[in-house]
Amino acid sequence: MIKYHKHIGIDIGKYNFVVGIEGIKDTKEYENTSSGIFEFINDNKDILANSLTVVETTGGYELELLYSLCERGYVVHRADARKVKNFIRSYGNSAKTDKLDAKALGLYGKERADKLEVFKPESKQNIQLFRLVQRRNDLKQMLVAEKNRLQQANTDKFVKNSCINMIDVLSNQITEITNQVEVIISSDQLLKAKHEILKEINGIGNIVAFELLILLPELGKLTRRQIASLAGLAPKANDSGKYQGYRKVGHGRAGVKPILFLAAMSARNSKTSGLRLFYERLINNGKKKMVALTAFNA
């Protein structure tokens, strides 16, 4: 059994983070900036050295803190927000504040220390790729919104030209980011090999391949069932006694499922794809279309 001197919980926000330390009644708030992180580490360096720190996943706002702690050799766990939420509920606590969450994260770390995986930072290259893909997806959403505005511009020439100019700018930015991602992948032999393997799968093209490679870096390290679960495509059992409930999928990694479904629809529509025959067989056996598409990916 692993023994830590203290268990520390950190609730992360966009601008601030709240720290709760085992044995200390009050919590403390720091700015979620480089200087704020440095201040936190400097204030608690003696405690951090022999403690387990639990940081909740919060849309990427936790990354700088995680990497700063790992660089100094401190033990950190990046907690699944859903698991922590269920843990808090198990105590019958429905109240929610940053201070309570920080304390709860510390308690979560204390009770499950032996089962929690220590966070290991990815390479700087993978981090750069992830941020590029995130930015590309943001620009794609902006592009869709701008195209919708163009359709609603009616006869207003100035508004139409403004929308067209913005669409051109966004399209060029997306192309530049795509080219940058391809350059980085091509310069790494392992990433390049994985990228080529993914492209051999019917329905997966160049763009989908690099998005999957970046959003699912575990590809090639986990079994297909583990990957399906990680992507939120593994059916969850819903049985009790003689009752066998409908099995649903969900709670997958953000951004992965839409990409896989686009690839599945592309494979379904291909006349030369063996997956199309698989899809048609499922439909003929009475399966719903969405169930058949999910089976493609799982």
Protein backbone atom coordinates (compact mmCIF):
# COMPACT_ATOMS: atom_id res chain seq x y z
CA MET A 1 0.00 0.00 0.00
CA ILE A 2 1.32 3.40 -1.03
CA LYS A 3 1.54 5.88 1.86
CA TYR A 4 1.58 9.61 1.36
CA HIS A 5 2.19 12.23 4.03
CA LYS A 6 -0.72 14.36 2.81
CA HIS A 7 -3.43 14.30 0.15
CA ILE A 8 -4.04 17.53 -1.73
CA GLY A 9 -7.10 18.39 -3.79
CA ILE A 10 -7.10 21.17 -6.38
CA ASP A 11 -10.26 22.52 -7.99
CA ILE A 12 -9.35 24.26 -11.24
CA GLY A 13 -11.11 27.18 -12.88
CA LYS A 14 -10.31 29.28 -15.93
CA TYR A 15 -8.80 32.11 -13.89
CA ASN A 16 -8.15 30.62 -10.44
CA PHE A 17 -7.61 27.34 -8.62
CA VAL A 18 -8.50 26.41 -5.04
CA VAL A 19 -6.23 24.16 -2.96
CA GLY A 20 -7.40 21.94 -0.11
CA ILE A 21 -4.71 20.19 1.94
CA GLU A 22 -5.41 17.26 4.27
CA GLY A 23 -5.23 18.32 7.92
CA ILE A 24 -5.59 22.03 7.14
CA LYS A 25 -9.08 23.41 7.68
CA ASP A 26 -8.93 26.40 5.36
CA THR A 27 -8.45 26.29 1.60
CA LYS A 28 -6.39 28.78 -0.37
CA GLU A 29 -6.99 30.32 -3.79
CA TYR A 30 -4.34 31.11 -6.40
CA GLU A 31 -4.45 32.66 -9.85
CA ASN A 32 -4.32 30.10 -12.67
CA THR A 33 -1.28 31.75 -14.22
CA SER A 34 2.42 30.93 -14.33
CA SER A 35 3.09 33.27 -11.40
CA GLY A 36 0.12 31.89 -9.43
CA ILE A 37 1.30 28.31 -9.97
CA PHE A 38 4.84 29.24 -8.92
CA GLU A 39 3.44 30.88 -5.76
CA PHE A 40 1.43 27.74 -4.89
CA ILE A 41 4.43 25.46 -5.37
CA ASN A 42 6.71 27.78 -3.39
CA ASP A 43 4.18 27.97 -0.52
CA ASN A 44 3.79 24.19 -0.31
CA LYS A 45 7.03 22.65 -1.62
CA ASP A 46 7.71 20.77 1.63
CA ILE A 47 4.20 19.27 1.71
CA LEU A 48 4.10 18.48 -2.03
CA ALA A 49 7.29 16.41 -1.83
CA ASN A 50 5.61 13.57 0.10
CA SER A 51 2.00 14.01 -0.97
CA LEU A 52 -0.46 12.86 -3.63
CA THR A 53 -2.03 15.81 -5.44
CA VAL A 54 -5.36 15.26 -7.18
CA VAL A 55 -6.30 17.70 -9.93
CA GLU A 56 -9.70 17.55 -11.62
CA THR A 57 -9.85 17.53 -15.43
CA THR A 58 -11.31 20.89 -16.48
CA GLY A 59 -11.18 21.37 -20.23
CA GLY A 60 -7.43 21.88 -20.40
CA TYR A 61 -7.22 24.65 -17.77
CA GLU A 62 -5.39 22.19 -15.54
CA LEU A 63 -2.55 21.42 -17.95
CA GLU A 64 -0.04 24.12 -16.99
CA LEU A 65 -0.37 23.23 -13.31
CA LEU A 66 -0.03 19.50 -14.04
CA TYR A 67 3.13 19.95 -16.09
CA SER A 68 4.64 22.35 -13.55
CA LEU A 69 4.15 19.80 -10.75
CA CYS A 70 5.48 16.90 -12.84
CA GLU A 71 8.58 18.84 -13.89
CA ARG A 72 9.48 19.13 -10.20
CA GLY A 73 8.93 15.43 -9.55
CA TYR A 74 5.72 15.68 -7.52
CA VAL A 75 3.14 12.87 -7.64
CA VAL A 76 -0.06 13.97 -9.37
CA HIS A 77 -3.29 12.28 -10.44
CA ARG A 78 -5.51 13.82 -13.12
CA ALA A 79 -9.00 12.89 -11.92
CA ASP A 80 -11.99 12.04 -14.10
CA ALA A 81 -14.62 14.68 -13.28
CA ARG A 82 -17.50 12.18 -13.56
CA LYS A 83 -15.88 9.74 -11.12
CA VAL A 84 -15.20 12.50 -8.61
CA LYS A 85 -18.79 13.74 -8.91
CA ASN A 86 -20.12 10.24 -8.17
CA PHE A 87 -17.67 9.93 -5.25
CA ILE A 88 -18.98 13.17 -3.71
CA ARG A 89 -22.58 12.00 -4.19
CA SER A 90 -21.79 8.77 -2.33
CA TYR A 91 -21.33 10.90 0.80
CA GLY A 92 -24.79 12.40 0.34
CA ASN A 93 -23.35 15.83 -0.34
CA SER A 94 -25.25 17.81 -2.97
CA ALA A 95 -23.71 21.21 -2.20
CA LYS A 96 -21.10 22.54 -4.61
CA THR A 97 -18.48 25.24 -4.10
CA ASP A 98 -14.85 25.46 -5.20
CA LYS A 99 -13.71 25.04 -1.58
CA LEU A 100 -15.86 21.92 -1.04
CA ASP A 101 -14.69 20.45 -4.34
CA ALA A 102 -11.03 20.97 -3.45
CA LYS A 103 -11.51 19.20 -0.11
CA ALA A 104 -13.48 16.40 -1.81
CA LEU A 105 -10.69 15.86 -4.36
CA GLY A 106 -8.20 15.46 -1.51
CA LEU A 107 -10.48 12.92 0.19
CA TYR A 108 -10.91 11.11 -3.13
CA GLY A 109 -7.13 10.84 -3.38
CA LYS A 110 -6.82 9.58 0.20
CA GLU A 111 -9.43 6.83 -0.13
CA ARG A 112 -8.33 5.62 -3.58
CA ALA A 113 -4.60 6.30 -3.54
CA ASP A 114 -3.70 2.68 -4.38
CA LYS A 115 -5.96 2.61 -7.44
CA LEU A 116 -5.20 6.02 -8.92
CA GLU A 117 -2.90 6.26 -11.91
CA VAL A 118 -0.03 8.72 -11.59
CA PHE A 119 -0.17 11.38 -14.29
CA LYS A 120 2.66 11.12 -16.83
CA PRO A 121 3.06 14.12 -19.13
CA GLU A 122 3.15 13.56 -22.86
CA SER A 123 5.94 14.90 -25.04
CA LYS A 124 5.96 18.59 -25.93
CA GLN A 125 5.33 17.53 -29.52
CA ASN A 126 2.08 15.76 -28.59
CA ILE A 127 0.96 18.76 -26.55
CA GLN A 128 1.61 21.04 -29.51
CA LEU A 129 -0.37 18.74 -31.81
CA PHE A 130 -3.28 18.61 -29.36
CA ARG A 131 -3.42 22.41 -29.14
CA LEU A 132 -3.25 22.73 -32.93
CA VAL A 133 -6.17 20.32 -33.35
CA GLN A 134 -8.15 22.15 -30.66
CA ARG A 135 -7.56 25.43 -32.47
CA ARG A 136 -8.49 23.87 -35.81
CA ASN A 137 -11.78 22.60 -34.37
CA ASP A 138 -12.52 26.06 -32.93
CA LEU A 139 -11.95 27.61 -36.35
CA LYS A 140 -14.18 25.00 -38.00
CA GLN A 141 -17.03 25.92 -35.65
CA MET A 142 -16.49 29.60 -36.44
CA LEU A 143 -16.50 28.78 -40.17
CA VAL A 144 -19.84 26.98 -39.92
CA ALA A 145 -21.31 29.94 -38.01
CA GLU A 146 -20.02 32.40 -40.62
CA LYS A 147 -21.47 30.35 -43.48
CA ASN A 148 -24.83 30.37 -41.71
CA ARG A 149 -24.62 34.15 -41.38
CA LEU A 150 -23.88 34.42 -45.09
CA GLN A 151 -27.08 32.52 -45.89
CA GLN A 152 -29.04 34.91 -43.66
CA ALA A 153 -27.50 38.07 -45.12
CA ASN A 154 -30.27 38.33 -47.77
CA THR A 155 -29.61 41.31 -50.08
CA ASP A 156 -27.27 43.31 -47.85
CA LYS A 157 -24.16 43.51 -50.04
CA PHE A 158 -21.84 44.86 -47.33
CA VAL A 159 -22.77 42.12 -44.86
CA LYS A 160 -22.38 39.46 -47.56
CA ASN A 161 -18.90 40.69 -48.49
CA SER A 162 -17.93 40.81 -44.81
CA CYS A 163 -19.05 37.19 -44.36
CA ILE A 164 -17.23 36.07 -47.53
CA ASN A 165 -14.00 37.76 -46.41
CA MET A 166 -14.24 36.16 -42.97
CA ILE A 167 -14.91 32.74 -44.53
CA ASP A 168 -11.75 33.13 -46.65
CA VAL A 169 -9.67 34.08 -43.59
CA LEU A 170 -10.97 31.15 -41.53
CA SER A 171 -10.50 28.68 -44.40
CA ASN A 172 -6.89 29.82 -44.88
CA GLN A 173 -6.20 29.52 -41.15
CA ILE A 174 -7.61 25.98 -41.09
CA THR A 175 -5.42 25.04 -44.06
CA GLU A 176 -2.31 26.51 -42.39
CA ILE A 177 -2.93 24.58 -39.18
CA THR A 178 -3.60 21.36 -41.14
CA ASN A 179 -0.29 21.79 -42.98
CA GLN A 180 1.55 22.43 -39.70
CA VAL A 181 0.10 19.25 -38.15
CA GLU A 182 1.12 17.21 -41.20
CA VAL A 183 4.68 18.56 -41.01
CA ILE A 184 5.00 17.58 -37.33
CA ILE A 185 3.57 14.08 -37.91
CA SER A 186 5.81 13.50 -40.94
CA SER A 187 8.90 14.41 -38.90
CA ASP A 188 8.19 11.69 -36.30
CA GLN A 189 8.65 8.09 -37.50
CA LEU A 190 6.29 6.53 -34.95
CA LEU A 191 3.50 9.05 -35.52
CA LYS A 192 3.96 8.78 -39.27
CA ALA A 193 3.70 4.97 -39.14
CA LYS A 194 0.51 5.10 -37.01
CA HIS A 195 -0.94 7.73 -39.36
CA GLU A 196 -0.37 5.49 -42.39
CA ILE A 197 -1.94 2.48 -40.63
CA LEU A 198 -5.06 4.49 -39.77
CA LYS A 199 -5.43 5.66 -43.39
CA GLU A 200 -5.57 2.04 -44.53
CA ILE A 201 -8.94 1.67 -42.77
CA ASN A 202 -11.88 2.25 -45.08
CA GLY A 203 -13.59 5.55 -44.30
CA ILE A 204 -10.56 7.16 -42.65
CA GLY A 205 -8.78 9.80 -44.69
CA ASN A 206 -5.81 12.04 -44.00
CA ILE A 207 -7.62 14.55 -41.75
CA VAL A 208 -9.58 11.99 -39.71
CA ALA A 209 -6.40 9.94 -39.26
CA PHE A 210 -4.40 12.76 -37.70
CA GLU A 211 -7.33 13.88 -35.53
CA LEU A 212 -7.72 10.36 -34.12
CA LEU A 213 -3.97 10.05 -33.67
CA ILE A 214 -3.89 13.21 -31.56
CA LEU A 215 -7.16 12.82 -29.64
CA LEU A 216 -6.51 9.11 -28.93
CA PRO A 217 -2.75 8.80 -28.28
CA GLU A 218 -3.50 5.45 -26.58
CA LEU A 219 -4.06 3.83 -30.01
CA GLY A 220 -1.69 0.89 -30.29
CA LYS A 221 -1.25 0.68 -26.51
CA LEU A 222 -4.73 -0.51 -25.45
CA THR A 223 -7.02 -3.31 -26.64
CA ARG A 224 -9.87 -2.52 -29.04
CA ARG A 225 -12.39 -2.89 -26.20
CA GLN A 226 -10.47 -0.46 -24.01
CA ILE A 227 -10.25 2.03 -26.87
CA ALA A 228 -14.00 1.66 -27.54
CA SER A 229 -14.71 2.40 -23.88
CA LEU A 230 -12.36 5.40 -23.92
CA ALA A 231 -14.14 6.76 -27.00
CA GLY A 232 -17.55 6.27 -25.35
CA LEU A 233 -18.63 3.55 -27.78
CA ALA A 234 -18.68 0.50 -25.50
CA PRO A 235 -22.27 -0.53 -24.58
CA LYS A 236 -22.86 -0.33 -20.83
CA ALA A 237 -24.70 -3.25 -19.22
CA ASN A 238 -28.13 -2.47 -17.75
CA ASP A 239 -29.23 -5.81 -16.28
CA SER A 240 -30.87 -6.71 -12.99
CA GLY A 241 -32.09 -10.23 -12.19
CA LYS A 242 -34.09 -11.46 -15.17
CA TYR A 243 -34.40 -7.95 -16.54
CA GLN A 244 -32.11 -7.11 -19.45
CA GLY A 245 -32.23 -3.39 -20.18
CA TYR A 246 -31.23 -1.48 -23.29
CA ARG A 247 -27.47 -1.01 -23.39
CA LYS A 248 -26.37 2.54 -24.07
CA VAL A 249 -23.05 4.14 -24.95
CA GLY A 250 -21.68 7.41 -23.63
CA HIS A 251 -19.20 9.30 -21.45
CA GLY A 252 -16.41 9.13 -24.01
CA ARG A 253 -13.50 11.45 -24.61
CA ALA A 254 -14.63 14.77 -26.03
CA GLY A 255 -14.35 15.17 -29.79
CA VAL A 256 -13.63 11.54 -30.64
CA LYS A 257 -17.12 10.17 -31.25
CA PRO A 258 -18.18 12.68 -33.96
CA ILE A 259 -15.00 11.95 -35.93
CA LEU A 260 -15.53 8.19 -35.75
CA PHE A 261 -19.17 8.47 -36.83
CA LEU A 262 -18.18 10.56 -39.87
CA ALA A 263 -15.66 7.87 -40.80
CA ALA A 264 -18.30 5.16 -40.26
CA MET A 265 -20.79 6.94 -42.53
CA SER A 266 -18.12 7.32 -45.20
CA ALA A 267 -17.32 3.59 -45.01
CA ARG A 268 -21.03 2.75 -45.09
CA ASN A 269 -21.48 4.70 -48.33
CA SER A 270 -18.47 3.15 -50.05
CA LYS A 271 -19.43 0.50 -52.61
CA THR A 272 -16.11 -1.32 -52.20
CA SER A 273 -16.11 -1.41 -48.41
CA GLY A 274 -16.53 -4.67 -46.53
CA LEU A 275 -17.92 -2.56 -43.70
CA ARG A 276 -20.88 -1.66 -45.90
CA LEU A 277 -21.84 -5.34 -46.11
CA PHE A 278 -21.48 -5.60 -42.34
CA TYR A 279 -23.74 -2.55 -41.91
CA GLU A 280 -26.39 -3.92 -44.30
CA ARG A 281 -26.37 -7.28 -42.51
CA LEU A 282 -27.04 -5.59 -39.17
CA ILE A 283 -29.88 -3.52 -40.66
CA ASN A 284 -31.42 -6.62 -42.25
CA ASN A 285 -31.28 -8.30 -38.84
CA GLY A 286 -33.44 -5.51 -37.40
CA LYS A 287 -30.77 -3.31 -35.83
CA LYS A 288 -31.28 0.45 -35.73
CA LYS A 289 -29.09 2.54 -38.03
CA MET A 290 -27.34 4.25 -35.11
CA VAL A 291 -26.67 0.88 -33.46
CA ALA A 292 -25.14 -0.38 -36.71
CA LEU A 293 -22.91 2.69 -37.01
CA THR A 294 -21.82 2.30 -33.39
CA ALA A 295 -20.93 -1.34 -34.09
CA PHE A 296 -18.61 -0.09 -36.87
CA ASN A 297 -16.58 1.84 -34.35
CA ALA A 298 -16.70 -0.55 -31.40
